[in-house]
Amino acid sequence: MATSRDIRNLTLIGFMGSGKSAVGRLAAAQLGFDFLDTDERIESAAGMSIPEIFQREGEAGFREWERRIVRSLAGLSRTVIATGGGLPTYDDHLERLKEHSLVVCLWASPETLYQRVRHHDHRPLLQTADPLARIRELLARREPWYRQADVLIQTEQRSVREVAAQVVHAFRLHAPSKV
């Protein structure tokens, strides 16, 4: 990781169900930072839910909302940002996030992710006959971007509290003057 970066935020990336929002809220509290969920910000800006955006504007429309949100994050400081699962794989989002954030990827197996999200009916990308196969497909496609994170943290069989502690520790190692 380049030492010349201005790391003043912490961004969590990873597949849906990896724990970005839960871990992010806890890490933000521990660091005394604000918390921002990009999907919540998109819903607020669009005036509709993520499933509604997908229904009305398609995935391309949703990705355009993500693009706008990513560009708006550059001015933030002392914020933990939880992204949507596909956000870092589009456009130049990952590079833009790295301009101001330590990027941490939360990782879990497809089977664990499926167990965590299988009862969520608000996941448009999983509305298929075989959601586990879809998770495997999407995870394989996104893995090259996830692996470009500054830090990769395994979340299998670990509590939110344990993962958040490791995230906070990683942030303090890389940006000690910011905490």
Protein backbone atom coordinates (compact mmCIF):
# COMPACT_ATOMS: atom_id res chain seq x y z
CA MET A 1 0.00 0.00 0.00
CA ALA A 2 1.38 3.40 -0.94
CA THR A 3 2.28 5.60 2.00
CA SER A 4 1.37 8.81 0.16
CA ARG A 5 -2.37 8.16 0.32
CA ASP A 6 -4.54 10.45 2.43
CA ILE A 7 -6.36 7.78 4.43
CA ARG A 8 -9.02 9.58 6.45
CA ASN A 9 -11.92 7.13 6.05
CA LEU A 10 -12.48 3.40 6.27
CA THR A 11 -14.40 1.68 3.48
CA LEU A 12 -15.78 -1.85 3.73
CA ILE A 13 -16.32 -3.83 0.56
CA GLY A 14 -17.44 -7.42 0.07
CA PHE A 15 -20.35 -9.53 -1.05
CA MET A 16 -23.87 -9.09 0.32
CA GLY A 17 -24.10 -10.85 3.65
CA SER A 18 -20.40 -10.43 4.44
CA GLY A 19 -21.26 -8.11 7.34
CA LYS A 20 -20.33 -4.70 5.95
CA SER A 21 -23.19 -2.77 7.55
CA ALA A 22 -23.14 -4.49 10.94
CA VAL A 23 -19.34 -4.44 11.20
CA GLY A 24 -19.23 -0.90 9.83
CA ARG A 25 -21.62 0.48 12.43
CA LEU A 26 -19.66 -1.12 15.25
CA ALA A 27 -16.27 -0.04 13.85
CA ALA A 28 -17.55 3.52 13.42
CA ALA A 29 -18.69 3.59 17.05
CA GLN A 30 -15.32 2.26 18.22
CA LEU A 31 -13.39 4.82 16.16
CA GLY A 32 -15.74 7.73 16.94
CA PHE A 33 -16.44 8.07 13.19
CA ASP A 34 -19.65 8.65 11.28
CA PHE A 35 -21.21 5.69 9.48
CA LEU A 36 -22.48 5.79 5.90
CA ASP A 37 -24.11 2.93 3.99
CA THR A 38 -23.98 3.64 0.24
CA ASP A 39 -27.20 1.68 -0.43
CA GLU A 40 -29.04 3.75 2.21
CA ARG A 41 -27.62 6.94 0.69
CA ILE A 42 -28.80 5.84 -2.76
CA GLU A 43 -32.29 5.05 -1.47
CA SER A 44 -32.47 8.46 0.18
CA ALA A 45 -31.23 10.30 -2.93
CA ALA A 46 -33.45 8.31 -5.33
CA GLY A 47 -36.52 8.42 -3.12
CA MET A 48 -37.09 4.71 -3.63
CA SER A 49 -35.79 1.36 -2.41
CA ILE A 50 -33.02 -0.58 -4.13
CA PRO A 51 -35.54 -3.16 -5.46
CA GLU A 52 -37.64 -0.29 -6.87
CA ILE A 53 -34.59 1.23 -8.55
CA PHE A 54 -33.78 -2.15 -10.13
CA GLN A 55 -37.39 -2.53 -11.26
CA ARG A 56 -37.72 0.97 -12.70
CA GLU A 57 -34.20 1.71 -13.93
CA GLY A 58 -32.57 -1.72 -14.16
CA GLU A 59 -29.13 -2.61 -12.89
CA ALA A 60 -27.56 0.05 -15.16
CA GLY A 61 -29.68 2.73 -13.50
CA PHE A 62 -28.69 1.50 -10.06
CA ARG A 63 -24.99 1.52 -11.02
CA GLU A 64 -25.37 5.14 -12.15
CA TRP A 65 -26.71 6.02 -8.69
CA GLU A 66 -23.66 4.26 -7.20
CA ARG A 67 -21.35 6.29 -9.45
CA ARG A 68 -22.85 9.55 -8.20
CA ILE A 69 -22.58 8.47 -4.57
CA VAL A 70 -18.93 7.35 -4.91
CA ARG A 71 -18.01 10.75 -6.31
CA SER A 72 -19.73 12.47 -3.39
CA LEU A 73 -17.63 10.56 -0.82
CA ALA A 74 -14.30 12.21 -1.68
CA GLY A 75 -14.89 15.14 0.67
CA LEU A 76 -15.62 13.01 3.73
CA SER A 77 -13.36 12.51 6.73
CA ARG A 78 -13.64 10.26 9.76
CA THR A 79 -16.34 8.11 8.17
CA VAL A 80 -16.80 4.36 7.92
CA ILE A 81 -18.38 3.62 4.54
CA ALA A 82 -20.18 0.34 3.85
CA THR A 83 -20.61 -0.21 0.11
CA GLY A 84 -22.99 -2.31 -1.91
CA GLY A 85 -21.49 -5.66 -2.92
CA GLY A 86 -21.00 -4.82 -6.58
CA LEU A 87 -19.92 -1.20 -6.14
CA PRO A 88 -16.13 -1.74 -6.28
CA THR A 89 -16.39 -3.73 -9.53
CA TYR A 90 -17.79 -0.91 -11.64
CA ASP A 91 -16.22 2.12 -13.25
CA ASP A 92 -13.27 3.47 -11.25
CA HIS A 93 -15.02 3.16 -7.89
CA LEU A 94 -12.28 1.18 -6.13
CA GLU A 95 -9.58 3.62 -7.19
CA ARG A 96 -11.69 6.57 -6.07
CA LEU A 97 -12.36 4.97 -2.68
CA LYS A 98 -8.64 4.34 -2.19
CA GLU A 99 -7.95 8.05 -2.67
CA HIS A 100 -9.37 8.77 0.79
CA SER A 101 -10.00 5.41 2.49
CA LEU A 102 -8.38 2.31 3.77
CA VAL A 103 -10.37 -0.30 1.83
CA VAL A 104 -11.11 -3.47 3.76
CA CYS A 105 -12.82 -6.45 2.14
CA LEU A 106 -14.93 -8.73 4.34
CA TRP A 107 -14.90 -12.26 2.95
CA ALA A 108 -16.98 -15.42 3.46
CA SER A 109 -17.67 -18.58 1.48
CA PRO A 110 -20.65 -18.72 -0.91
CA GLU A 111 -22.37 -21.20 1.43
CA THR A 112 -21.99 -18.89 4.45
CA LEU A 113 -23.17 -15.88 2.45
CA TYR A 114 -26.21 -17.84 1.28
CA GLN A 115 -27.07 -18.84 4.86
CA ARG A 116 -26.84 -15.19 5.91
CA VAL A 117 -29.03 -13.76 3.12
CA ARG A 118 -31.37 -16.60 2.14
CA HIS A 119 -34.39 -15.09 3.91
CA HIS A 120 -33.82 -11.58 2.56
CA ASP A 121 -36.44 -10.84 -0.08
CA HIS A 122 -34.98 -7.39 -0.79
CA ARG A 123 -31.93 -8.71 -2.72
CA PRO A 124 -32.77 -8.19 -6.43
CA LEU A 125 -29.71 -10.08 -7.69
CA LEU A 126 -30.79 -13.21 -5.80
CA GLN A 127 -34.31 -13.44 -7.19
CA THR A 128 -33.47 -16.59 -9.15
CA ALA A 129 -34.34 -20.28 -9.01
CA ASP A 130 -30.90 -21.12 -7.55
CA PRO A 131 -29.63 -18.25 -5.36
CA LEU A 132 -26.58 -20.20 -4.15
CA ALA A 133 -25.44 -20.74 -7.74
CA ARG A 134 -25.98 -17.01 -8.38
CA ILE A 135 -23.89 -16.14 -5.31
CA ARG A 136 -21.09 -18.42 -6.54
CA GLU A 137 -21.23 -16.84 -10.00
CA LEU A 138 -21.24 -13.25 -8.75
CA LEU A 139 -18.59 -13.90 -6.11
CA ALA A 140 -16.28 -15.47 -8.71
CA ARG A 141 -16.80 -12.49 -11.00
CA ARG A 142 -16.20 -9.93 -8.23
CA GLU A 143 -13.29 -11.66 -6.50
CA PRO A 144 -10.56 -9.94 -8.56
CA TRP A 145 -11.81 -6.55 -7.35
CA TYR A 146 -12.32 -7.69 -3.77
CA ARG A 147 -8.73 -8.93 -3.69
CA GLN A 148 -7.52 -5.43 -4.55
CA ALA A 149 -8.60 -4.19 -1.12
CA ASP A 150 -5.86 -2.99 1.20
CA VAL A 151 -6.89 -5.60 3.77
CA LEU A 152 -8.87 -8.84 3.39
CA ILE A 153 -10.65 -10.13 6.51
CA GLN A 154 -12.25 -13.56 6.77
CA THR A 155 -15.63 -13.42 8.54
CA GLU A 156 -16.38 -17.15 8.68
CA GLN A 157 -17.52 -18.33 12.12
CA ARG A 158 -16.58 -15.01 13.70
CA SER A 159 -18.82 -12.60 15.54
CA VAL A 160 -19.50 -9.08 14.31
CA ARG A 161 -17.61 -7.83 17.36
CA GLU A 162 -14.50 -9.91 16.48
CA VAL A 163 -14.51 -8.76 12.87
CA ALA A 164 -15.06 -5.12 13.85
CA ALA A 165 -12.12 -5.29 16.26
CA GLN A 166 -9.89 -6.60 13.47
CA VAL A 167 -11.13 -3.88 11.08
CA VAL A 168 -10.43 -1.16 13.65
CA HIS A 169 -6.98 -2.62 14.33
CA ALA A 170 -6.17 -2.64 10.59
CA PHE A 171 -7.30 0.98 10.27
CA ARG A 172 -5.16 2.07 13.21
CA LEU A 173 -2.13 0.32 11.72
CA HIS A 174 -2.54 2.11 8.38
CA ALA A 175 -3.79 5.50 9.53
CA PRO A 176 -2.68 5.93 13.17
CA SER A 177 -2.82 9.72 13.06
CA LYS A 178 -6.52 9.66 12.14
CA VAL A 179 -7.77 8.05 15.35
